[in-house]
Protein backbone atom coordinates (compact mmCIF):
# COMPACT_ATOMS: atom_id res chain seq x y z
CA MET A 1 -19.05 27.98 58.32
CA LYS A 2 -20.25 27.60 54.71
CA LEU A 3 -18.64 24.18 54.51
CA THR A 4 -20.41 23.11 57.71
CA ILE A 5 -23.76 24.26 56.33
CA LEU A 6 -23.18 22.42 53.04
CA ILE A 7 -22.29 19.22 54.89
CA LEU A 8 -25.42 19.57 57.04
CA LEU A 9 -27.64 20.13 54.00
CA ALA A 10 -26.12 17.14 52.23
CA SER A 11 -26.73 15.01 55.30
CA ILE A 12 -30.38 16.10 55.44
CA LEU A 13 -30.88 15.34 51.74
CA ILE A 14 -29.32 11.89 52.09
CA THR A 15 -31.52 11.15 55.12
CA GLN A 16 -34.66 12.34 53.33
CA ASP A 17 -33.78 10.24 50.29
CA GLY A 18 -33.22 7.25 52.53
CA PHE A 19 -36.67 7.63 54.06
CA SER A 20 -38.33 8.12 50.69
CA GLN A 21 -36.66 4.99 49.31
CA LYS A 22 -37.63 3.01 52.39
CA ASP A 23 -41.28 4.01 52.07
CA THR A 24 -41.65 3.53 48.31
CA PRO A 25 -45.02 1.82 47.82
CA ILE A 26 -45.61 -1.32 45.77
CA THR A 27 -48.58 -1.68 43.45
CA ILE A 28 -49.83 -5.20 44.10
CA ALA A 29 -52.68 -6.97 42.30
CA THR A 30 -54.51 -10.24 41.96
CA TYR A 31 -56.10 -11.12 38.63
CA ASN A 32 -57.96 -14.24 37.56
CA ILE A 33 -57.36 -13.97 33.81
CA ARG A 34 -59.75 -16.81 32.81
CA TYR A 35 -58.21 -19.81 31.09
CA ASN A 36 -58.02 -19.95 27.32
CA THR A 37 -61.00 -21.81 25.83
CA LYS A 38 -62.64 -21.46 22.42
CA ASN A 39 -65.98 -21.90 24.17
CA ASP A 40 -65.74 -18.27 25.29
CA GLY A 41 -66.22 -17.09 21.69
CA ILE A 42 -65.67 -13.34 21.47
CA ASN A 43 -64.21 -13.46 25.00
CA ALA A 44 -61.62 -16.15 24.22
CA TRP A 45 -58.06 -15.30 25.21
CA PRO A 46 -56.75 -14.30 21.75
CA ASN A 47 -59.42 -11.57 21.63
CA ARG A 48 -58.54 -10.07 25.00
CA LYS A 49 -54.85 -10.79 25.56
CA GLU A 50 -53.79 -7.29 24.52
CA ASP A 51 -56.44 -5.75 26.77
CA VAL A 52 -55.09 -7.65 29.76
CA LYS A 53 -51.56 -6.50 28.96
CA ALA A 54 -52.71 -2.91 28.45
CA LEU A 55 -54.48 -2.88 31.82
CA ILE A 56 -51.39 -4.16 33.63
CA ARG A 57 -49.18 -1.64 31.86
CA PHE A 58 -51.49 1.38 32.32
CA HIS A 59 -52.07 0.77 36.03
CA GLU A 60 -48.35 0.17 36.55
CA PHE A 61 -48.53 -3.09 38.47
CA ASP A 62 -45.27 -3.94 40.19
CA LEU A 63 -46.14 -7.39 41.50
CA PHE A 64 -49.23 -9.50 40.87
CA GLY A 65 -50.65 -12.98 41.12
CA THR A 66 -52.72 -14.57 38.39
CA GLN A 67 -55.13 -17.47 38.50
CA GLU A 68 -56.29 -19.88 35.75
CA GLY A 69 -53.54 -18.89 33.34
CA LEU A 70 -52.27 -21.63 31.05
CA ARG A 71 -48.61 -21.51 30.12
CA GLU A 72 -49.20 -19.88 26.73
CA GLN A 73 -51.26 -17.16 28.43
CA LEU A 74 -48.49 -16.48 30.92
CA ASP A 75 -45.98 -16.30 28.09
CA GLY A 76 -48.30 -13.79 26.42
CA ILE A 77 -48.38 -11.54 29.48
CA ALA A 78 -44.59 -11.88 29.74
CA GLU A 79 -44.40 -10.08 26.39
CA LEU A 80 -44.40 -7.13 28.81
CA THR A 81 -40.66 -7.57 29.03
CA GLU A 82 -40.24 -5.68 32.30
CA PHE A 83 -41.84 -8.70 34.00
CA ALA A 84 -40.74 -12.23 34.79
CA PHE A 85 -42.98 -14.89 36.31
CA LEU A 86 -42.77 -18.06 38.37
CA GLY A 87 -45.12 -20.86 39.38
CA LYS A 88 -45.83 -24.40 38.19
CA GLY A 89 -48.77 -26.00 36.42
CA ARG A 90 -51.27 -27.63 38.74
CA ASP A 91 -51.62 -30.84 36.71
CA ASP A 92 -48.03 -32.10 36.73
CA GLY A 93 -45.95 -29.64 38.75
CA GLN A 94 -44.27 -28.49 35.55
CA GLN A 95 -46.15 -26.62 32.81
CA ALA A 96 -49.38 -28.57 32.38
CA GLY A 97 -52.69 -27.08 33.42
CA GLU A 98 -53.66 -23.86 35.06
CA HIS A 99 -51.16 -21.88 37.14
CA SER A 100 -51.39 -19.58 40.14
CA ALA A 101 -48.46 -17.63 38.78
CA ILE A 102 -46.59 -14.66 40.23
CA PHE A 103 -45.41 -11.84 37.99
CA TYR A 104 -42.82 -9.36 39.22
CA LYS A 105 -40.85 -6.45 37.78
CA LYS A 106 -37.32 -7.69 37.22
CA ASP A 107 -35.64 -4.38 37.94
CA ARG A 108 -37.49 -3.94 41.25
CA PHE A 109 -37.52 -7.41 42.82
CA GLU A 110 -35.05 -10.22 43.38
CA VAL A 111 -36.34 -13.76 43.96
CA LEU A 112 -34.67 -15.32 46.99
CA LYS A 113 -36.75 -18.51 47.30
CA SER A 114 -39.80 -19.97 45.62
CA GLY A 115 -42.00 -23.03 45.67
CA ASP A 116 -45.43 -24.54 45.13
CA PHE A 117 -47.86 -26.74 47.03
CA TRP A 118 -51.21 -28.31 46.28
CA LEU A 119 -54.44 -27.73 48.20
CA SER A 120 -54.95 -31.31 49.31
CA GLU A 121 -54.12 -33.81 52.03
CA THR A 122 -50.82 -34.40 50.16
CA PRO A 123 -49.63 -30.85 49.37
CA ASP A 124 -46.22 -31.91 48.09
CA LYS A 125 -47.58 -33.59 44.95
CA PRO A 126 -50.30 -32.94 42.35
CA GLY A 127 -53.74 -34.14 43.36
CA LYS A 128 -57.28 -33.18 44.28
CA GLY A 129 -58.09 -32.35 47.86
CA TRP A 130 -60.95 -33.40 50.15
CA ASP A 131 -64.29 -33.16 48.27
CA ALA A 132 -62.92 -31.42 45.15
CA THR A 133 -64.17 -33.32 42.09
CA CYS A 134 -62.98 -31.24 39.16
CA CYS A 135 -59.45 -30.02 39.51
CA ASN A 136 -56.14 -29.99 41.25
CA ARG A 137 -55.58 -26.70 43.05
CA ILE A 138 -52.15 -25.14 43.54
CA CYS A 139 -50.51 -22.31 45.46
CA SER A 140 -47.27 -20.73 44.25
CA TRP A 141 -45.08 -18.63 46.51
CA ALA A 142 -41.84 -16.67 46.53
CA GLN A 143 -39.65 -14.71 48.87
CA PHE A 144 -38.65 -11.39 47.33
CA ARG A 145 -36.15 -8.71 48.12
CA ASP A 146 -37.29 -5.25 47.06
CA LYS A 147 -34.23 -3.64 45.48
CA THR A 148 -35.62 -0.16 46.13
CA THR A 149 -36.52 -0.45 49.81
CA LYS A 150 -34.19 -3.39 50.67
CA LYS A 151 -37.14 -5.09 52.39
CA LYS A 152 -37.72 -8.85 52.20
CA PHE A 153 -41.18 -10.38 52.13
CA TYR A 154 -43.17 -13.42 51.00
CA PHE A 155 -45.84 -13.49 48.32
CA PHE A 156 -48.41 -16.28 47.84
CA SER A 157 -50.84 -16.71 44.91
CA VAL A 158 -53.64 -19.26 45.15
CA HIS A 159 -56.93 -20.45 43.63
CA PHE A 160 -59.42 -22.27 45.88
CA ASP A 161 -61.81 -24.92 44.55
CA HIS A 162 -65.13 -23.75 43.12
CA GLN A 163 -67.19 -26.83 43.99
CA GLY A 164 -65.94 -28.56 47.12
CA VAL A 165 -67.25 -26.91 50.28
CA GLU A 166 -64.95 -28.96 52.49
CA ALA A 167 -62.06 -28.38 50.09
CA ARG A 168 -62.42 -24.62 50.55
CA ARG A 169 -62.72 -24.98 54.31
CA GLN A 170 -59.63 -27.13 54.57
CA SER A 171 -57.72 -24.97 52.10
CA GLY A 172 -58.13 -22.01 54.44
CA LYS A 173 -56.55 -24.04 57.26
CA LEU A 174 -53.78 -25.30 54.99
CA MET A 175 -52.92 -21.77 53.84
CA VAL A 176 -52.48 -20.58 57.42
CA GLN A 177 -50.36 -23.63 58.23
CA LYS A 178 -48.16 -23.27 55.14
CA ILE A 179 -47.69 -19.51 55.50
CA GLN A 180 -46.57 -19.97 59.10
CA GLU A 181 -44.26 -22.81 58.08
CA ILE A 182 -42.71 -21.05 55.07
CA ALA A 183 -42.70 -17.36 56.00
CA LYS A 184 -42.57 -17.62 59.80
CA ASP A 185 -42.55 -14.05 61.17
CA GLU A 186 -41.67 -12.30 57.90
CA PRO A 187 -44.03 -9.90 56.06
CA VAL A 188 -46.56 -11.73 53.87
CA VAL A 189 -48.89 -10.88 51.01
CA LEU A 190 -51.47 -13.50 50.00
CA VAL A 191 -53.52 -12.96 46.84
CA GLY A 192 -55.97 -15.08 44.92
CA ASP A 193 -59.37 -16.21 43.83
CA PHE A 194 -60.79 -17.88 46.93
CA ASN A 195 -64.24 -18.68 45.49
CA SER A 196 -65.48 -17.58 48.91
CA THR A 197 -67.35 -14.56 50.20
CA PRO A 198 -66.13 -12.70 53.31
CA GLU A 199 -68.43 -14.38 55.85
CA THR A 200 -67.25 -17.93 55.05
CA GLU A 201 -65.25 -20.04 57.48
CA GLN A 202 -62.19 -20.23 55.23
CA ILE A 203 -61.90 -16.45 54.89
CA LYS A 204 -62.32 -16.04 58.65
CA THR A 205 -59.62 -18.68 59.16
CA ILE A 206 -57.16 -16.76 56.99
CA GLN A 207 -57.97 -13.62 58.95
CA THR A 208 -56.67 -15.24 62.12
CA LEU A 209 -53.22 -14.66 60.62
CA LEU A 210 -53.60 -12.00 57.92
CA SER A 211 -55.67 -8.85 57.39
CA ASP A 212 -58.05 -8.32 54.50
CA SER A 213 -56.70 -5.28 52.64
CA HIS A 214 -60.32 -4.26 51.90
CA GLU A 215 -60.76 -3.74 55.64
CA VAL A 216 -57.46 -2.04 56.52
CA THR A 217 -56.93 0.38 53.62
CA LYS A 218 -56.05 3.90 54.76
CA THR A 219 -58.20 5.48 52.05
CA PRO A 220 -61.79 4.55 51.15
CA VAL A 221 -62.36 1.45 49.02
CA TYR A 222 -62.57 2.23 45.29
CA GLY A 223 -64.79 0.43 42.78
CA PRO A 224 -67.51 -2.20 43.19
CA GLU A 225 -67.71 -4.65 46.06
CA GLY A 226 -67.86 -7.69 43.80
CA THR A 227 -65.03 -9.09 41.71
CA PHE A 228 -66.74 -11.53 39.30
CA ASN A 229 -68.55 -10.42 36.15
CA SER A 230 -69.17 -13.57 34.03
CA PHE A 231 -68.11 -11.49 30.99
CA LYS A 232 -71.36 -9.51 31.43
CA PHE A 233 -70.91 -5.75 31.25
CA ASP A 234 -74.03 -5.16 33.37
CA ALA A 235 -73.17 -7.76 36.01
CA PRO A 236 -74.20 -6.62 39.53
CA MET A 237 -70.78 -7.60 40.96
CA LYS A 238 -71.98 -7.87 44.55
CA ASN A 239 -69.93 -10.90 45.61
CA ARG A 240 -66.30 -10.42 46.56
CA ILE A 241 -64.34 -13.64 45.95
CA ASP A 242 -60.89 -12.26 45.00
CA TYR A 243 -58.72 -10.95 47.82
CA ILE A 244 -55.40 -9.46 48.82
CA PHE A 245 -54.43 -10.29 52.40
CA VAL A 246 -51.46 -8.77 54.23
CA LYS A 247 -49.63 -9.55 57.43
CA LYS A 248 -49.16 -6.98 60.19
CA GLY A 249 -46.35 -4.61 59.26
CA ILE A 250 -47.64 -3.98 55.75
CA ASP A 251 -49.56 -0.72 55.39
CA VAL A 252 -52.32 -0.69 52.77
CA LEU A 253 -52.50 2.84 51.40
CA LYS A 254 -55.19 2.22 48.76
CA TYR A 255 -57.53 -0.60 47.72
CA GLY A 256 -59.55 -0.83 44.54
CA VAL A 257 -61.45 -3.15 42.22
CA LEU A 258 -60.77 -2.06 38.63
CA THR A 259 -63.59 -1.99 36.08
CA ASP A 260 -61.64 -1.20 32.91
CA ALA A 261 -63.53 -2.27 29.80
CA LYS A 262 -63.27 -1.78 26.05
CA GLU A 263 -66.39 -1.61 23.87
CA GLN A 264 -68.35 -2.84 26.90
CA ARG A 265 -66.25 -5.99 27.22
CA TYR A 266 -64.11 -6.81 30.21
CA PRO A 267 -60.59 -8.25 29.75
CA SER A 268 -61.52 -11.19 31.99
CA ASP A 269 -64.51 -12.64 33.81
CA HIS A 270 -62.95 -11.40 37.06
CA GLN A 271 -62.06 -7.83 37.97
CA PRO A 272 -58.48 -7.23 39.09
CA VAL A 273 -58.05 -6.22 42.73
CA VAL A 274 -55.25 -3.73 43.31
CA ILE A 275 -53.59 -2.17 46.34
CA LYS A 276 -50.75 0.23 47.02
CA ALA A 277 -48.81 -0.95 50.03
CA VAL A 278 -45.71 -0.12 52.03
CA ILE A 279 -43.74 -2.87 53.75
CA ARG A 280 -42.39 -1.59 57.06
């Protein structure tokens, strides 16, 4: 009788542990870290690199996309040795220019596939798209296996153009097309700086496939609505241009826009957007 009870208790504990492992949330973020330029003076990257790293470490990000990072900036963040990153430079498809990189905790996630494409009429090679006049724009993606939950999912990090109205419109359509082509019916997280407010056509286009985590969080939204501060501590931050989108089957437990600052200076000219999510 005692042996039977012990076996039953062990079975219950194993089952409970299995459920808890399966439902372990992931802390996911998107963070435009502002490219390194001396023109930013006191806000140039060397003066805020450690603050960016400290924010990531303190808030215990598991997986996050960055925008605008140059290779030396990404290497700086990777001094947090629990992380690795992937993603190519937008200028040459190697290391040149800004990246839409993806950082992930090495002990939690395994990369199964990865790739990059450009936001243009020729997404397989570097180039400007539509009415963009300034810059190439790139999206980096990866398929991950979560070693804790055993779940597989896709993660996309992107930065839309800041000038071309048509480029942003068409980029929304391209993202939907590429996500369907690459991820098919698998769970998807899309993060980035979309240089677009929620009512724009491109954001509505993305929402034909994915949900805005701001709208589907199970707990109330935390922090300001806006995500851009121009390095001004008293910025109104009314305009939301950085997003985390999720596909059906991913539960968003929490959503927040972080406002961490040191001596009234922000670590970047964008606020990081963070969610806790469970992939079903």
